[in-house]
Full PDB file with SEQRES, HELIX, SHEET, SSBOND, CRYST1, ORIGX, SCALE, CONECT and MASTER records, all heavy atoms in Angstrom:
SEQRES   1 A   32  VAL ILE SER THR GLY LEU ILE TYR LYS PHE VAL ILE GLN          
SEQRES   2 A   32  GLY ASN VAL THR GLU SER THR ASP GLY ARG THR ALA ILE          
SEQRES   3 A   32  LEU LEU GLU LYS ASP GLU                                      
HELIX    1 AA1 ILE A    2  ILE A    7  1                                   6    
HELIX    2 AA2 TYR A    8  GLN A   13  3                                   6    
SHEET    1 AA1 2 VAL A  16  GLU A  18  0                                        
SHEET    2 AA1 2 THR A  24  ILE A  26 -1                                        
CRYST1    1.000    1.000    1.000  90.00  90.00  90.00 P 1           1          
ORIGX1      1.000000  0.000000  0.000000        0.00000                         
ORIGX2      0.000000  1.000000  0.000000        0.00000                         
ORIGX3      0.000000  0.000000  1.000000        0.00000                         
SCALE1      1.000000  0.000000  0.000000        0.00000                         
SCALE2      0.000000  1.000000  0.000000        0.00000                         
SCALE3      0.000000  0.000000  1.000000        0.00000                         
ATOM      1  N   VAL A   1     -24.642 270.730 323.534  1.00  0.00           N  
ATOM      2  CA  VAL A   1     -25.303 271.376 324.614  1.00  0.00           C  
ATOM      3  C   VAL A   1     -24.366 272.223 325.446  1.00  0.00           C  
ATOM      4  O   VAL A   1     -24.665 273.376 325.784  1.00  0.00           O  
ATOM      5  CB  VAL A   1     -26.060 270.355 325.519  1.00  0.00           C  
ATOM      6  CG1 VAL A   1     -26.574 270.948 326.776  1.00  0.00           C  
ATOM      7  CG2 VAL A   1     -27.222 269.704 324.697  1.00  0.00           C  
ATOM      8  N   ILE A   2     -23.254 271.716 325.772  1.00  0.00           N  
ATOM      9  CA  ILE A   2     -22.242 272.437 326.551  1.00  0.00           C  
ATOM     10  C   ILE A   2     -21.755 273.686 325.830  1.00  0.00           C  
ATOM     11  O   ILE A   2     -21.660 274.742 326.330  1.00  0.00           O  
ATOM     12  CB  ILE A   2     -21.038 271.551 326.929  1.00  0.00           C  
ATOM     13  CG1 ILE A   2     -21.467 270.461 327.993  1.00  0.00           C  
ATOM     14  CG2 ILE A   2     -19.865 272.359 327.499  1.00  0.00           C  
ATOM     15  CD1 ILE A   2     -20.447 269.400 328.273  1.00  0.00           C  
ATOM     16  N   SER A   3     -21.486 273.508 324.515  1.00  0.00           N  
ATOM     17  CA  SER A   3     -21.063 274.636 323.685  1.00  0.00           C  
ATOM     18  C   SER A   3     -22.089 275.711 323.627  1.00  0.00           C  
ATOM     19  O   SER A   3     -21.789 276.896 323.766  1.00  0.00           O  
ATOM     20  CB  SER A   3     -20.681 274.206 322.293  1.00  0.00           C  
ATOM     21  OG  SER A   3     -19.632 273.288 322.309  1.00  0.00           O  
ATOM     22  N   THR A   4     -23.310 275.336 323.470  1.00  0.00           N  
ATOM     23  CA  THR A   4     -24.452 276.300 323.417  1.00  0.00           C  
ATOM     24  C   THR A   4     -24.519 277.022 324.747  1.00  0.00           C  
ATOM     25  O   THR A   4     -24.687 278.242 324.757  1.00  0.00           O  
ATOM     26  CB  THR A   4     -25.794 275.554 323.085  1.00  0.00           C  
ATOM     27  OG1 THR A   4     -25.635 274.898 321.828  1.00  0.00           O  
ATOM     28  CG2 THR A   4     -26.926 276.561 323.061  1.00  0.00           C  
ATOM     29  N   GLY A   5     -24.388 276.321 325.862  1.00  0.00           N  
ATOM     30  CA  GLY A   5     -24.440 276.951 327.128  1.00  0.00           C  
ATOM     31  C   GLY A   5     -23.302 277.940 327.354  1.00  0.00           C  
ATOM     32  O   GLY A   5     -23.507 279.076 327.854  1.00  0.00           O  
ATOM     33  N   LEU A   6     -22.100 277.568 326.947  1.00  0.00           N  
ATOM     34  CA  LEU A   6     -20.967 278.460 327.058  1.00  0.00           C  
ATOM     35  C   LEU A   6     -21.098 279.706 326.179  1.00  0.00           C  
ATOM     36  O   LEU A   6     -20.796 280.811 326.567  1.00  0.00           O  
ATOM     37  CB  LEU A   6     -19.641 277.725 326.722  1.00  0.00           C  
ATOM     38  CG  LEU A   6     -19.217 276.696 327.766  1.00  0.00           C  
ATOM     39  CD1 LEU A   6     -18.067 275.887 327.227  1.00  0.00           C  
ATOM     40  CD2 LEU A   6     -18.927 277.332 329.100  1.00  0.00           C  
ATOM     41  N   ILE A   7     -21.592 279.492 324.940  1.00  0.00           N  
ATOM     42  CA  ILE A   7     -21.845 280.640 324.057  1.00  0.00           C  
ATOM     43  C   ILE A   7     -22.856 281.546 324.665  1.00  0.00           C  
ATOM     44  O   ILE A   7     -22.637 282.775 324.650  1.00  0.00           O  
ATOM     45  CB  ILE A   7     -22.265 280.128 322.630  1.00  0.00           C  
ATOM     46  CG1 ILE A   7     -21.101 279.489 321.903  1.00  0.00           C  
ATOM     47  CG2 ILE A   7     -22.865 281.296 321.810  1.00  0.00           C  
ATOM     48  CD1 ILE A   7     -21.456 278.759 320.625  1.00  0.00           C  
ATOM     49  N   TYR A   8     -23.922 281.035 325.165  1.00  0.00           N  
ATOM     50  CA  TYR A   8     -24.956 281.886 325.802  1.00  0.00           C  
ATOM     51  C   TYR A   8     -24.355 282.647 326.981  1.00  0.00           C  
ATOM     52  O   TYR A   8     -24.549 283.882 327.081  1.00  0.00           O  
ATOM     53  CB  TYR A   8     -26.165 281.019 326.309  1.00  0.00           C  
ATOM     54  CG  TYR A   8     -27.169 281.904 327.025  1.00  0.00           C  
ATOM     55  CD1 TYR A   8     -27.985 282.706 326.306  1.00  0.00           C  
ATOM     56  CD2 TYR A   8     -27.198 281.895 328.417  1.00  0.00           C  
ATOM     57  CE1 TYR A   8     -28.912 283.532 326.994  1.00  0.00           C  
ATOM     58  CE2 TYR A   8     -28.116 282.743 329.064  1.00  0.00           C  
ATOM     59  CZ  TYR A   8     -28.986 283.539 328.355  1.00  0.00           C  
ATOM     60  OH  TYR A   8     -29.890 284.347 328.993  1.00  0.00           O  
ATOM     61  N   LYS A   9     -23.595 281.966 327.855  1.00  0.00           N  
ATOM     62  CA  LYS A   9     -23.026 282.615 329.028  1.00  0.00           C  
ATOM     63  C   LYS A   9     -21.989 283.689 328.684  1.00  0.00           C  
ATOM     64  O   LYS A   9     -22.009 284.772 329.207  1.00  0.00           O  
ATOM     65  CB  LYS A   9     -22.469 281.593 329.953  1.00  0.00           C  
ATOM     66  CG  LYS A   9     -21.741 282.105 331.184  1.00  0.00           C  
ATOM     67  CD  LYS A   9     -22.730 282.815 332.137  1.00  0.00           C  
ATOM     68  CE  LYS A   9     -21.904 283.303 333.353  1.00  0.00           C  
ATOM     69  NZ  LYS A   9     -22.677 284.306 334.095  1.00  0.00           N  
ATOM     70  N   PHE A  10     -21.099 283.357 327.786  1.00  0.00           N  
ATOM     71  CA  PHE A  10     -19.937 284.215 327.547  1.00  0.00           C  
ATOM     72  C   PHE A  10     -20.094 285.164 326.336  1.00  0.00           C  
ATOM     73  O   PHE A  10     -19.265 286.056 326.166  1.00  0.00           O  
ATOM     74  CB  PHE A  10     -18.648 283.452 327.462  1.00  0.00           C  
ATOM     75  CG  PHE A  10     -18.293 282.797 328.760  1.00  0.00           C  
ATOM     76  CD1 PHE A  10     -18.486 281.437 328.942  1.00  0.00           C  
ATOM     77  CD2 PHE A  10     -17.852 283.565 329.814  1.00  0.00           C  
ATOM     78  CE1 PHE A  10     -18.153 280.821 330.141  1.00  0.00           C  
ATOM     79  CE2 PHE A  10     -17.578 282.932 331.066  1.00  0.00           C  
ATOM     80  CZ  PHE A  10     -17.744 281.602 331.211  1.00  0.00           C  
ATOM     81  N   VAL A  11     -21.106 284.983 325.505  1.00  0.00           N  
ATOM     82  CA  VAL A  11     -21.264 285.857 324.362  1.00  0.00           C  
ATOM     83  C   VAL A  11     -22.509 286.689 324.542  1.00  0.00           C  
ATOM     84  O   VAL A  11     -22.531 287.847 324.249  1.00  0.00           O  
ATOM     85  CB  VAL A  11     -21.331 285.033 323.053  1.00  0.00           C  
ATOM     86  CG1 VAL A  11     -21.685 285.942 321.885  1.00  0.00           C  
ATOM     87  CG2 VAL A  11     -20.039 284.326 322.816  1.00  0.00           C  
ATOM     88  N   ILE A  12     -23.594 286.058 325.014  1.00  0.00           N  
ATOM     89  CA  ILE A  12     -24.871 286.738 325.068  1.00  0.00           C  
ATOM     90  C   ILE A  12     -25.167 287.340 326.444  1.00  0.00           C  
ATOM     91  O   ILE A  12     -25.312 288.526 326.625  1.00  0.00           O  
ATOM     92  CB  ILE A  12     -26.032 285.786 324.643  1.00  0.00           C  
ATOM     93  CG1 ILE A  12     -25.766 285.385 323.197  1.00  0.00           C  
ATOM     94  CG2 ILE A  12     -27.348 286.436 324.815  1.00  0.00           C  
ATOM     95  CD1 ILE A  12     -26.668 284.317 322.687  1.00  0.00           C  
ATOM     96  N   GLN A  13     -25.173 286.484 327.535  1.00  0.00           N  
ATOM     97  CA  GLN A  13     -25.616 286.947 328.831  1.00  0.00           C  
ATOM     98  C   GLN A  13     -24.568 287.752 329.578  1.00  0.00           C  
ATOM     99  O   GLN A  13     -24.840 288.808 330.109  1.00  0.00           O  
ATOM    100  CB  GLN A  13     -25.978 285.718 329.688  1.00  0.00           C  
ATOM    101  CG  GLN A  13     -26.403 286.147 331.079  1.00  0.00           C  
ATOM    102  CD  GLN A  13     -26.648 284.938 332.004  1.00  0.00           C  
ATOM    103  OE1 GLN A  13     -26.258 283.869 331.718  1.00  0.00           O  
ATOM    104  NE2 GLN A  13     -27.289 285.253 333.122  1.00  0.00           N  
ATOM    105  N   GLY A  14     -23.296 287.300 329.573  1.00  0.00           N  
ATOM    106  CA  GLY A  14     -22.313 287.985 330.393  1.00  0.00           C  
ATOM    107  C   GLY A  14     -22.460 287.662 331.820  1.00  0.00           C  
ATOM    108  O   GLY A  14     -23.233 286.842 332.239  1.00  0.00           O  
ATOM    109  N   ASN A  15     -21.639 288.384 332.647  1.00  0.00           N  
ATOM    110  CA  ASN A  15     -21.672 288.131 334.078  1.00  0.00           C  
ATOM    111  C   ASN A  15     -22.474 289.328 334.709  1.00  0.00           C  
ATOM    112  O   ASN A  15     -21.907 290.365 335.046  1.00  0.00           O  
ATOM    113  CB  ASN A  15     -20.230 288.148 334.622  1.00  0.00           C  
ATOM    114  CG  ASN A  15     -20.112 287.734 336.037  1.00  0.00           C  
ATOM    115  OD1 ASN A  15     -21.006 287.130 336.579  1.00  0.00           O  
ATOM    116  ND2 ASN A  15     -18.956 288.006 336.658  1.00  0.00           N  
ATOM    117  N   VAL A  16     -23.738 289.127 334.804  1.00  0.00           N  
ATOM    118  CA  VAL A  16     -24.650 290.155 335.203  1.00  0.00           C  
ATOM    119  C   VAL A  16     -25.599 289.705 336.272  1.00  0.00           C  
ATOM    120  O   VAL A  16     -25.797 288.546 336.522  1.00  0.00           O  
ATOM    121  CB  VAL A  16     -25.487 290.728 333.997  1.00  0.00           C  
ATOM    122  CG1 VAL A  16     -24.612 291.256 332.904  1.00  0.00           C  
ATOM    123  CG2 VAL A  16     -26.406 289.654 333.443  1.00  0.00           C  
ATOM    124  N   THR A  17     -26.143 290.746 336.948  1.00  0.00           N  
ATOM    125  CA  THR A  17     -27.202 290.540 337.970  1.00  0.00           C  
ATOM    126  C   THR A  17     -28.043 291.796 337.975  1.00  0.00           C  
ATOM    127  O   THR A  17     -27.651 292.805 337.433  1.00  0.00           O  
ATOM    128  CB  THR A  17     -26.544 290.192 339.358  1.00  0.00           C  
ATOM    129  OG1 THR A  17     -27.591 289.819 340.238  1.00  0.00           O  
ATOM    130  CG2 THR A  17     -25.835 291.412 339.927  1.00  0.00           C  
ATOM    131  N   GLU A  18     -29.190 291.725 338.670  1.00  0.00           N  
ATOM    132  CA  GLU A  18     -29.990 292.903 338.810  1.00  0.00           C  
ATOM    133  C   GLU A  18     -29.380 293.812 339.914  1.00  0.00           C  
ATOM    134  O   GLU A  18     -28.988 293.245 340.973  1.00  0.00           O  
ATOM    135  CB  GLU A  18     -31.438 292.484 339.198  1.00  0.00           C  
ATOM    136  CG  GLU A  18     -32.427 293.607 339.264  1.00  0.00           C  
ATOM    137  CD  GLU A  18     -32.840 294.128 337.875  1.00  0.00           C  
ATOM    138  OE1 GLU A  18     -32.613 293.495 336.874  1.00  0.00           O  
ATOM    139  OE2 GLU A  18     -33.333 295.297 337.840  1.00  0.00           O  
ATOM    140  N   SER A  19     -29.323 295.069 339.713  1.00  0.00           N  
ATOM    141  CA  SER A  19     -28.759 295.969 340.702  1.00  0.00           C  
ATOM    142  C   SER A  19     -29.846 296.532 341.577  1.00  0.00           C  
ATOM    143  O   SER A  19     -31.049 296.390 341.239  1.00  0.00           O  
ATOM    144  CB  SER A  19     -27.917 297.081 340.085  1.00  0.00           C  
ATOM    145  OG  SER A  19     -28.819 297.987 339.437  1.00  0.00           O  
ATOM    146  N   THR A  20     -29.509 297.173 342.649  1.00  0.00           N  
ATOM    147  CA  THR A  20     -30.456 297.706 343.579  1.00  0.00           C  
ATOM    148  C   THR A  20     -31.233 298.847 342.963  1.00  0.00           C  
ATOM    149  O   THR A  20     -32.324 299.193 343.447  1.00  0.00           O  
ATOM    150  CB  THR A  20     -29.762 298.177 344.862  1.00  0.00           C  
ATOM    151  OG1 THR A  20     -28.798 299.170 344.542  1.00  0.00           O  
ATOM    152  CG2 THR A  20     -29.188 297.043 345.574  1.00  0.00           C  
ATOM    153  N   ASP A  21     -30.752 299.501 341.909  1.00  0.00           N  
ATOM    154  CA  ASP A  21     -31.469 300.654 341.329  1.00  0.00           C  
ATOM    155  C   ASP A  21     -32.223 300.284 340.030  1.00  0.00           C  
ATOM    156  O   ASP A  21     -32.655 301.101 339.287  1.00  0.00           O  
ATOM    157  CB  ASP A  21     -30.483 301.818 341.045  1.00  0.00           C  
ATOM    158  CG  ASP A  21     -29.420 301.480 339.997  1.00  0.00           C  
ATOM    159  OD1 ASP A  21     -29.425 300.400 339.449  1.00  0.00           O  
ATOM    160  OD2 ASP A  21     -28.533 302.330 339.807  1.00  0.00           O  
ATOM    161  N   GLY A  22     -32.331 298.964 339.755  1.00  0.00           N  
ATOM    162  CA  GLY A  22     -33.123 298.508 338.620  1.00  0.00           C  
ATOM    163  C   GLY A  22     -32.325 298.366 337.316  1.00  0.00           C  
ATOM    164  O   GLY A  22     -32.832 297.817 336.331  1.00  0.00           O  
ATOM    165  N   ARG A  23     -31.061 298.831 337.306  1.00  0.00           N  
ATOM    166  CA  ARG A  23     -30.280 298.613 336.157  1.00  0.00           C  
ATOM    167  C   ARG A  23     -29.613 297.234 336.167  1.00  0.00           C  
ATOM    168  O   ARG A  23     -29.684 296.558 337.167  1.00  0.00           O  
ATOM    169  CB  ARG A  23     -29.178 299.689 336.092  1.00  0.00           C  
ATOM    170  CG  ARG A  23     -29.703 301.087 335.855  1.00  0.00           C  
ATOM    171  CD  ARG A  23     -28.576 302.073 335.718  1.00  0.00           C  
ATOM    172  NE  ARG A  23     -27.929 302.331 336.999  1.00  0.00           N  
ATOM    173  CZ  ARG A  23     -26.811 303.020 337.111  1.00  0.00           C  
ATOM    174  NH1 ARG A  23     -26.204 303.535 336.089  1.00  0.00           N  
ATOM    175  NH2 ARG A  23     -26.277 303.212 338.333  1.00  0.00           N  
ATOM    176  N   THR A  24     -29.029 296.817 335.075  1.00  0.00           N  
ATOM    177  CA  THR A  24     -28.299 295.558 335.024  1.00  0.00           C  
ATOM    178  C   THR A  24     -26.910 295.906 335.564  1.00  0.00           C  
ATOM    179  O   THR A  24     -26.204 296.774 335.072  1.00  0.00           O  
ATOM    180  CB  THR A  24     -28.198 295.045 333.568  1.00  0.00           C  
ATOM    181  OG1 THR A  24     -29.516 294.790 333.105  1.00  0.00           O  
ATOM    182  CG2 THR A  24     -27.387 293.793 333.504  1.00  0.00           C  
ATOM    183  N   ALA A  25     -26.527 295.120 336.596  1.00  0.00           N  
ATOM    184  CA  ALA A  25     -25.159 295.244 337.135  1.00  0.00           C  
ATOM    185  C   ALA A  25     -24.248 294.265 336.396  1.00  0.00           C  
ATOM    186  O   ALA A  25     -24.538 293.103 336.298  1.00  0.00           O  
ATOM    187  CB  ALA A  25     -25.176 294.946 338.622  1.00  0.00           C  
ATOM    188  N   ILE A  26     -23.197 294.787 335.800  1.00  0.00           N  
ATOM    189  CA  ILE A  26     -22.183 293.967 335.183  1.00  0.00           C  
ATOM    190  C   ILE A  26     -21.104 293.788 336.228  1.00  0.00           C  
ATOM    191  O   ILE A  26     -20.491 294.735 336.748  1.00  0.00           O  
ATOM    192  CB  ILE A  26     -21.612 294.632 333.893  1.00  0.00           C  
ATOM    193  CG1 ILE A  26     -22.753 294.919 332.919  1.00  0.00           C  
ATOM    194  CG2 ILE A  26     -20.531 293.745 333.295  1.00  0.00           C  
ATOM    195  CD1 ILE A  26     -22.322 295.689 331.721  1.00  0.00           C  
ATOM    196  N   LEU A  27     -20.832 292.482 336.523  1.00  0.00           N  
ATOM    197  CA  LEU A  27     -19.878 292.161 337.656  1.00  0.00           C  
ATOM    198  C   LEU A  27     -18.480 291.965 337.024  1.00  0.00           C  
ATOM    199  O   LEU A  27     -18.265 291.116 336.210  1.00  0.00           O  
ATOM    200  CB  LEU A  27     -20.338 290.904 338.373  1.00  0.00           C  
ATOM    201  CG  LEU A  27     -21.784 290.952 338.891  1.00  0.00           C  
ATOM    202  CD1 LEU A  27     -22.225 289.600 339.436  1.00  0.00           C  
ATOM    203  CD2 LEU A  27     -21.932 292.036 339.914  1.00  0.00           C  
ATOM    204  N   LEU A  28     -17.592 292.806 337.532  1.00  0.00           N  
ATOM    205  CA  LEU A  28     -16.209 292.797 336.955  1.00  0.00           C  
ATOM    206  C   LEU A  28     -15.181 292.775 338.100  1.00  0.00           C  
ATOM    207  O   LEU A  28     -15.476 293.213 339.205  1.00  0.00           O  
ATOM    208  CB  LEU A  28     -15.994 294.069 336.119  1.00  0.00           C  
ATOM    209  CG  LEU A  28     -16.906 294.277 334.907  1.00  0.00           C  
ATOM    210  CD1 LEU A  28     -16.612 295.561 334.276  1.00  0.00           C  
ATOM    211  CD2 LEU A  28     -16.798 293.184 333.908  1.00  0.00           C  
ATOM    212  N   GLU A  29     -13.980 292.389 337.758  1.00  0.00           N  
ATOM    213  CA  GLU A  29     -12.872 292.568 338.693  1.00  0.00           C  
ATOM    214  C   GLU A  29     -12.459 294.017 338.678  1.00  0.00           C  
ATOM    215  O   GLU A  29     -12.774 294.768 337.710  1.00  0.00           O  
ATOM    216  CB  GLU A  29     -11.712 291.685 338.276  1.00  0.00           C  
ATOM    217  CG  GLU A  29     -12.026 290.199 338.419  1.00  0.00           C  
ATOM    218  CD  GLU A  29     -10.887 289.292 337.956  1.00  0.00           C  
ATOM    219  OE1 GLU A  29      -9.737 289.782 337.902  1.00  0.00           O  
ATOM    220  OE2 GLU A  29     -11.156 288.125 337.669  1.00  0.00           O  
ATOM    221  N   LYS A  30     -11.724 294.458 339.652  1.00  0.00           N  
ATOM    222  CA  LYS A  30     -11.346 295.897 339.779  1.00  0.00           C  
ATOM    223  C   LYS A  30     -10.627 296.353 338.526  1.00  0.00           C  
ATOM    224  O   LYS A  30     -10.975 297.464 337.996  1.00  0.00           O  
ATOM    225  CB  LYS A  30     -10.485 296.046 340.998  1.00  0.00           C  
ATOM    226  CG  LYS A  30     -10.082 297.543 341.276  1.00  0.00           C  
ATOM    227  CD  LYS A  30      -9.126 297.672 342.405  1.00  0.00           C  
ATOM    228  CE  LYS A  30      -8.690 299.095 342.619  1.00  0.00           C  
ATOM    229  NZ  LYS A  30      -8.108 299.758 341.454  1.00  0.00           N  
ATOM    230  N   ASP A  31      -9.699 295.662 338.034  1.00  0.00           N  
ATOM    231  CA  ASP A  31      -8.907 296.123 336.834  1.00  0.00           C  
ATOM    232  C   ASP A  31      -9.780 296.181 335.597  1.00  0.00           C  
ATOM    233  O   ASP A  31      -9.619 297.084 334.786  1.00  0.00           O  
ATOM    234  CB  ASP A  31      -7.708 295.201 336.565  1.00  0.00           C  
ATOM    235  CG  ASP A  31      -6.622 295.328 337.606  1.00  0.00           C  
ATOM    236  OD1 ASP A  31      -6.643 296.311 338.383  1.00  0.00           O  
ATOM    237  OD2 ASP A  31      -5.770 294.447 337.692  1.00  0.00           O  
ATOM    238  N   GLU A  32     -10.747 295.221 335.498  1.00  0.00           N  
ATOM    239  CA  GLU A  32     -11.667 295.272 334.320  1.00  0.00           C  
ATOM    240  C   GLU A  32     -12.578 296.496 334.435  1.00  0.00           C  
ATOM    241  O   GLU A  32     -12.799 297.185 333.456  1.00  0.00           O  
ATOM    242  CB  GLU A  32     -12.475 293.995 334.336  1.00  0.00           C  
ATOM    243  CG  GLU A  32     -11.705 292.744 334.058  1.00  0.00           C  
ATOM    244  CD  GLU A  32     -12.398 291.460 334.361  1.00  0.00           C  
ATOM    245  OE1 GLU A  32     -13.364 291.479 335.178  1.00  0.00           O  
ATOM    246  OE2 GLU A  32     -12.085 290.412 333.716  1.00  0.00           O  
TER     247      GLU A  32                                                      
MASTER        0    0    0    2    2    0    0    6  246    1    0    3          
END                                                                             
């Protein structure tokens, strides 16, 4: 279960949220 969750988060979903303009916002550090 933990492995499946990690795979989903780091391979499929990523670090995202909904942006104010309706696009998917990918949240990154400045250098990234």
